[in-house]
Amino acid sequence: MKIKRIKRYYTMLRLILKGGGYSRAEYLKKKHYFKSIGEHVYLQPWNYGTEPQLISFGDNVHVASNVIFINHDITGMMFNYMDKEHHYKIRKGEINIGNNVFIGAGSRILYDVTIGDNVVIGAGSLVNKNIPGGTVAAGVPCKVVGSFDEYMESLKND
């Protein structure tokens, strides 16, 4: 277990020293750090939780700074200490991110969540449930607030 922790810290140090988000994503892809990672992925964060093997990224995913991926809930450990007569499970689950997704700075993505294709997640959001494709979603908790296509159209500079 100690060697695994040392490898994890070494990988985190390498991520900090990597140049930009594209080179960081390519390095993690080469190391098979995630369950899967697509093409043209930009990863600004350097910490992906304790089980990065439960995270999948599609193609053309861009993740801004200070996004946190939480793929477990350890309240069961607290309950197990309090109540010696019963056993409480530690919950964990996958995080699946589709194609053409932007996740804004400071967002939190919880376990057992799927973010569909063509989605923008606003900065500071708490994604605690599935987000359907073709949407813009934001808030705490994260809710659909608009259409991906309308948002894309509003940013055109013709």
C-alpha atoms as a PDB file:
ATOM      1  CA  MET A   1       0.000   0.000   0.000  1.00  0.00           C
ATOM      2  CA  LYS A   2       2.882   2.362   0.795  1.00  0.00           C
ATOM      3  CA  ILE A   3       4.419   1.878  -2.675  1.00  0.00           C
ATOM      4  CA  LYS A   4       1.058   2.643  -4.298  1.00  0.00           C
ATOM      5  CA  ARG A   5       0.836   5.889  -2.300  1.00  0.00           C
ATOM      6  CA  ILE A   6       4.384   6.885  -3.276  1.00  0.00           C
ATOM      7  CA  LYS A   7       3.577   6.251  -6.967  1.00  0.00           C
ATOM      8  CA  ARG A   8       0.448   8.371  -6.632  1.00  0.00           C
ATOM      9  CA  TYR A   9       2.400  11.272  -5.082  1.00  0.00           C
ATOM     10  CA  TYR A  10       5.041  10.963  -7.798  1.00  0.00           C
ATOM     11  CA  THR A  11       2.343  11.146 -10.486  1.00  0.00           C
ATOM     12  CA  MET A  12       0.782  14.186  -8.791  1.00  0.00           C
ATOM     13  CA  LEU A  13       4.179  15.920  -8.704  1.00  0.00           C
ATOM     14  CA  ARG A  14       4.681  15.192 -12.409  1.00  0.00           C
ATOM     15  CA  LEU A  15       1.242  16.678 -13.129  1.00  0.00           C
ATOM     16  CA  ILE A  16       2.106  19.879 -11.299  1.00  0.00           C
ATOM     17  CA  LEU A  17       5.291  20.213 -13.335  1.00  0.00           C
ATOM     18  CA  LYS A  18       3.623  19.466 -16.690  1.00  0.00           C
ATOM     19  CA  GLY A  19       3.084  22.461 -18.936  1.00  0.00           C
ATOM     20  CA  GLY A  20      -0.486  22.963 -20.053  1.00  0.00           C
ATOM     21  CA  GLY A  21      -3.703  21.037 -19.806  1.00  0.00           C
ATOM     22  CA  TYR A  22      -3.300  19.199 -23.111  1.00  0.00           C
ATOM     23  CA  SER A  23       0.140  17.816 -22.224  1.00  0.00           C
ATOM     24  CA  ARG A  24      -1.154  16.883 -18.749  1.00  0.00           C
ATOM     25  CA  ALA A  25      -4.021  14.910 -20.321  1.00  0.00           C
ATOM     26  CA  GLU A  26      -1.686  13.156 -22.772  1.00  0.00           C
ATOM     27  CA  TYR A  27       0.666  12.166 -19.948  1.00  0.00           C
ATOM     28  CA  LEU A  28      -2.223  10.680 -17.934  1.00  0.00           C
ATOM     29  CA  LYS A  29      -3.543   8.910 -21.026  1.00  0.00           C
ATOM     30  CA  LYS A  30      -0.142   7.331 -21.643  1.00  0.00           C
ATOM     31  CA  LYS A  31      -0.001   6.177 -17.996  1.00  0.00           C
ATOM     32  CA  HIS A  32      -3.544   4.644 -18.193  1.00  0.00           C
ATOM     33  CA  TYR A  33      -4.432   6.733 -15.131  1.00  0.00           C
ATOM     34  CA  PHE A  34      -8.183   6.894 -15.858  1.00  0.00           C
ATOM     35  CA  LYS A  35     -10.699   4.262 -16.888  1.00  0.00           C
ATOM     36  CA  SER A  36     -10.671   5.946 -20.300  1.00  0.00           C
ATOM     37  CA  ILE A  37      -9.733   9.247 -21.870  1.00  0.00           C
ATOM     38  CA  GLY A  38     -10.554  10.453 -25.374  1.00  0.00           C
ATOM     39  CA  GLU A  39      -8.863  12.745 -27.876  1.00  0.00           C
ATOM     40  CA  HIS A  40      -8.275  16.492 -27.496  1.00  0.00           C
ATOM     41  CA  VAL A  41      -8.748  16.576 -23.713  1.00  0.00           C
ATOM     42  CA  TYR A  42      -7.606  19.533 -21.599  1.00  0.00           C
ATOM     43  CA  LEU A  43      -7.152  18.884 -17.874  1.00  0.00           C
ATOM     44  CA  GLN A  44      -6.192  21.822 -15.691  1.00  0.00           C
ATOM     45  CA  PRO A  45      -6.599  20.060 -12.289  1.00  0.00           C
ATOM     46  CA  TRP A  46      -3.827  17.854 -10.953  1.00  0.00           C
ATOM     47  CA  ASN A  47      -5.835  15.901  -8.336  1.00  0.00           C
ATOM     48  CA  TYR A  48      -8.457  13.386  -9.494  1.00  0.00           C
ATOM     49  CA  GLY A  49      -9.449  11.755  -6.206  1.00  0.00           C
ATOM     50  CA  THR A  50      -8.368   8.448  -4.722  1.00  0.00           C
ATOM     51  CA  GLU A  51      -9.862   6.266  -7.477  1.00  0.00           C
ATOM     52  CA  PRO A  52      -9.055   7.895 -10.832  1.00  0.00           C
ATOM     53  CA  GLN A  53      -9.610   4.491 -12.459  1.00  0.00           C
ATOM     54  CA  LEU A  54     -13.344   5.181 -11.967  1.00  0.00           C
ATOM     55  CA  ILE A  55     -13.272   8.319 -14.165  1.00  0.00           C
ATOM     56  CA  SER A  56     -13.930   8.334 -17.933  1.00  0.00           C
ATOM     57  CA  PHE A  57     -13.481  11.306 -20.270  1.00  0.00           C
ATOM     58  CA  GLY A  58     -14.866  11.445 -23.828  1.00  0.00           C
ATOM     59  CA  ASP A  59     -13.401  13.416 -26.734  1.00  0.00           C
ATOM     60  CA  ASN A  60     -12.980  17.197 -26.636  1.00  0.00           C
ATOM     61  CA  VAL A  61     -13.405  17.559 -22.872  1.00  0.00           C
ATOM     62  CA  HIS A  62     -12.043  20.677 -21.183  1.00  0.00           C
ATOM     63  CA  VAL A  63     -11.779  20.817 -17.392  1.00  0.00           C
ATOM     64  CA  ALA A  64     -10.896  24.169 -15.778  1.00  0.00           C
ATOM     65  CA  SER A  65      -8.845  24.758 -12.638  1.00  0.00           C
ATOM     66  CA  ASN A  66      -9.808  23.603  -9.139  1.00  0.00           C
ATOM     67  CA  VAL A  67     -12.370  21.045 -10.331  1.00  0.00           C
ATOM     68  CA  ILE A  68     -12.588  18.194  -7.829  1.00  0.00           C
ATOM     69  CA  PHE A  69     -13.651  14.640  -8.638  1.00  0.00           C
ATOM     70  CA  ILE A  70     -15.141  12.789  -5.663  1.00  0.00           C
ATOM     71  CA  ASN A  71     -15.691   9.133  -6.434  1.00  0.00           C
ATOM     72  CA  HIS A  72     -16.381   7.806  -2.951  1.00  0.00           C
ATOM     73  CA  ASP A  73     -18.247   8.541   0.282  1.00  0.00           C
ATOM     74  CA  ILE A  74     -16.581   7.343   3.455  1.00  0.00           C
ATOM     75  CA  THR A  75     -19.297   8.183   5.982  1.00  0.00           C
ATOM     76  CA  GLY A  76     -19.637   4.393   6.384  1.00  0.00           C
ATOM     77  CA  MET A  77     -16.211   4.417   8.066  1.00  0.00           C
ATOM     78  CA  MET A  78     -17.492   6.860  10.673  1.00  0.00           C
ATOM     79  CA  PHE A  79     -20.631   4.766  11.271  1.00  0.00           C
ATOM     80  CA  ASN A  80     -18.554   1.583  11.558  1.00  0.00           C
ATOM     81  CA  TYR A  81     -16.509   3.185  14.335  1.00  0.00           C
ATOM     82  CA  MET A  82     -19.628   4.409  16.153  1.00  0.00           C
ATOM     83  CA  ASP A  83     -21.679   1.229  15.814  1.00  0.00           C
ATOM     84  CA  LYS A  84     -19.687  -1.970  16.375  1.00  0.00           C
ATOM     85  CA  GLU A  85     -22.793  -4.184  16.017  1.00  0.00           C
ATOM     86  CA  HIS A  86     -23.411  -3.413  12.346  1.00  0.00           C
ATOM     87  CA  HIS A  87     -21.322  -2.975   9.236  1.00  0.00           C
ATOM     88  CA  TYR A  88     -21.814   0.073   6.997  1.00  0.00           C
ATOM     89  CA  LYS A  89     -20.640   0.153   3.402  1.00  0.00           C
ATOM     90  CA  ILE A  90     -18.347   2.690   1.853  1.00  0.00           C
ATOM     91  CA  ARG A  91     -20.040   3.968  -1.263  1.00  0.00           C
ATOM     92  CA  LYS A  92     -18.097   4.650  -4.439  1.00  0.00           C
ATOM     93  CA  GLY A  93     -18.938   4.923  -8.079  1.00  0.00           C
ATOM     94  CA  GLU A  94     -17.896   5.975 -11.533  1.00  0.00           C
ATOM     95  CA  ILE A  95     -17.822   9.429 -13.045  1.00  0.00           C
ATOM     96  CA  ASN A  96     -18.526   9.394 -16.794  1.00  0.00           C
ATOM     97  CA  ILE A  97     -18.021  12.500 -18.895  1.00  0.00           C
ATOM     98  CA  GLY A  98     -19.247  12.525 -22.511  1.00  0.00           C
ATOM     99  CA  ASN A  99     -17.910  14.226 -25.635  1.00  0.00           C
ATOM    100  CA  ASN A 100     -17.707  18.010 -26.104  1.00  0.00           C
ATOM    101  CA  VAL A 101     -17.934  18.890 -22.415  1.00  0.00           C
ATOM    102  CA  PHE A 102     -16.635  21.928 -20.538  1.00  0.00           C
ATOM    103  CA  ILE A 103     -16.485  21.860 -16.728  1.00  0.00           C
ATOM    104  CA  GLY A 104     -16.070  25.306 -15.152  1.00  0.00           C
ATOM    105  CA  ALA A 105     -13.559  26.258 -12.484  1.00  0.00           C
ATOM    106  CA  GLY A 106     -14.187  25.181  -8.922  1.00  0.00           C
ATOM    107  CA  SER A 107     -16.858  22.619  -9.755  1.00  0.00           C
ATOM    108  CA  ARG A 108     -17.277  19.388  -7.779  1.00  0.00           C
ATOM    109  CA  ILE A 109     -18.251  16.170  -9.547  1.00  0.00           C
ATOM    110  CA  LEU A 110     -19.635  13.416  -7.291  1.00  0.00           C
ATOM    111  CA  TYR A 111     -19.636   9.655  -7.805  1.00  0.00           C
ATOM    112  CA  ASP A 112     -22.290   7.778  -9.797  1.00  0.00           C
ATOM    113  CA  VAL A 113     -22.693  10.738 -12.165  1.00  0.00           C
ATOM    114  CA  THR A 114     -22.817  10.825 -15.956  1.00  0.00           C
ATOM    115  CA  ILE A 115     -22.438  14.086 -17.845  1.00  0.00           C
ATOM    116  CA  GLY A 116     -23.847  13.661 -21.365  1.00  0.00           C
ATOM    117  CA  ASP A 117     -22.456  14.851 -24.706  1.00  0.00           C
ATOM    118  CA  ASN A 118     -22.453  18.565 -25.567  1.00  0.00           C
ATOM    119  CA  VAL A 119     -22.644  19.949 -22.039  1.00  0.00           C
ATOM    120  CA  VAL A 120     -21.322  23.073 -20.330  1.00  0.00           C
ATOM    121  CA  ILE A 121     -21.070  22.966 -16.521  1.00  0.00           C
ATOM    122  CA  GLY A 122     -20.914  26.429 -14.968  1.00  0.00           C
ATOM    123  CA  ALA A 123     -18.138  27.424 -12.580  1.00  0.00           C
ATOM    124  CA  GLY A 124     -18.600  26.472  -8.935  1.00  0.00           C
ATOM    125  CA  SER A 125     -21.267  23.849  -9.629  1.00  0.00           C
ATOM    126  CA  LEU A 126     -21.925  20.736  -7.544  1.00  0.00           C
ATOM    127  CA  VAL A 127     -22.757  17.920  -9.967  1.00  0.00           C
ATOM    128  CA  ASN A 128     -24.538  15.343  -7.797  1.00  0.00           C
ATOM    129  CA  LYS A 129     -26.807  13.795 -10.434  1.00  0.00           C
ATOM    130  CA  ASN A 130     -26.716  12.964 -14.134  1.00  0.00           C
ATOM    131  CA  ILE A 131     -26.706  15.898 -16.546  1.00  0.00           C
ATOM    132  CA  PRO A 132     -28.429  15.238 -19.900  1.00  0.00           C
ATOM    133  CA  GLY A 133     -26.690  15.931 -23.193  1.00  0.00           C
ATOM    134  CA  GLY A 134     -27.227  19.162 -25.097  1.00  0.00           C
ATOM    135  CA  THR A 135     -27.520  21.332 -21.999  1.00  0.00           C
ATOM    136  CA  VAL A 136     -25.885  24.066 -19.969  1.00  0.00           C
ATOM    137  CA  ALA A 137     -26.080  23.310 -16.257  1.00  0.00           C
ATOM    138  CA  ALA A 138     -24.948  25.236 -13.194  1.00  0.00           C
ATOM    139  CA  GLY A 139     -25.517  25.764  -9.504  1.00  0.00           C
ATOM    140  CA  VAL A 140     -25.463  24.007  -6.160  1.00  0.00           C
ATOM    141  CA  PRO A 141     -26.873  21.524  -6.780  1.00  0.00           C
ATOM    142  CA  CYS A 142     -26.279  21.611 -10.526  1.00  0.00           C
ATOM    143  CA  LYS A 143     -29.433  22.041 -12.626  1.00  0.00           C
ATOM    144  CA  VAL A 144     -30.077  22.526 -16.328  1.00  0.00           C
ATOM    145  CA  VAL A 145     -30.274  26.264 -17.044  1.00  0.00           C
ATOM    146  CA  GLY A 146     -30.112  26.351 -20.826  1.00  0.00           C
ATOM    147  CA  SER A 147     -29.375  24.780 -24.165  1.00  0.00           C
ATOM    148  CA  PHE A 148     -25.888  23.885 -25.382  1.00  0.00           C
ATOM    149  CA  ASP A 149     -26.724  24.916 -28.954  1.00  0.00           C
ATOM    150  CA  GLU A 150     -28.120  28.298 -27.878  1.00  0.00           C
ATOM    151  CA  TYR A 151     -25.053  28.967 -25.721  1.00  0.00           C
ATOM    152  CA  MET A 152     -22.726  27.977 -28.568  1.00  0.00           C
ATOM    153  CA  GLU A 153     -24.633  30.284 -30.937  1.00  0.00           C
ATOM    154  CA  SER A 154     -24.360  33.176 -28.475  1.00  0.00           C
ATOM    155  CA  LEU A 155     -20.555  32.907 -28.494  1.00  0.00           C
ATOM    156  CA  LYS A 156     -20.140  33.056 -32.278  1.00  0.00           C
ATOM    157  CA  ASN A 157     -18.111  36.007 -33.411  1.00  0.00           C
ATOM    158  CA  ASP A 158     -19.314  36.472 -37.007  1.00  0.00           C
END
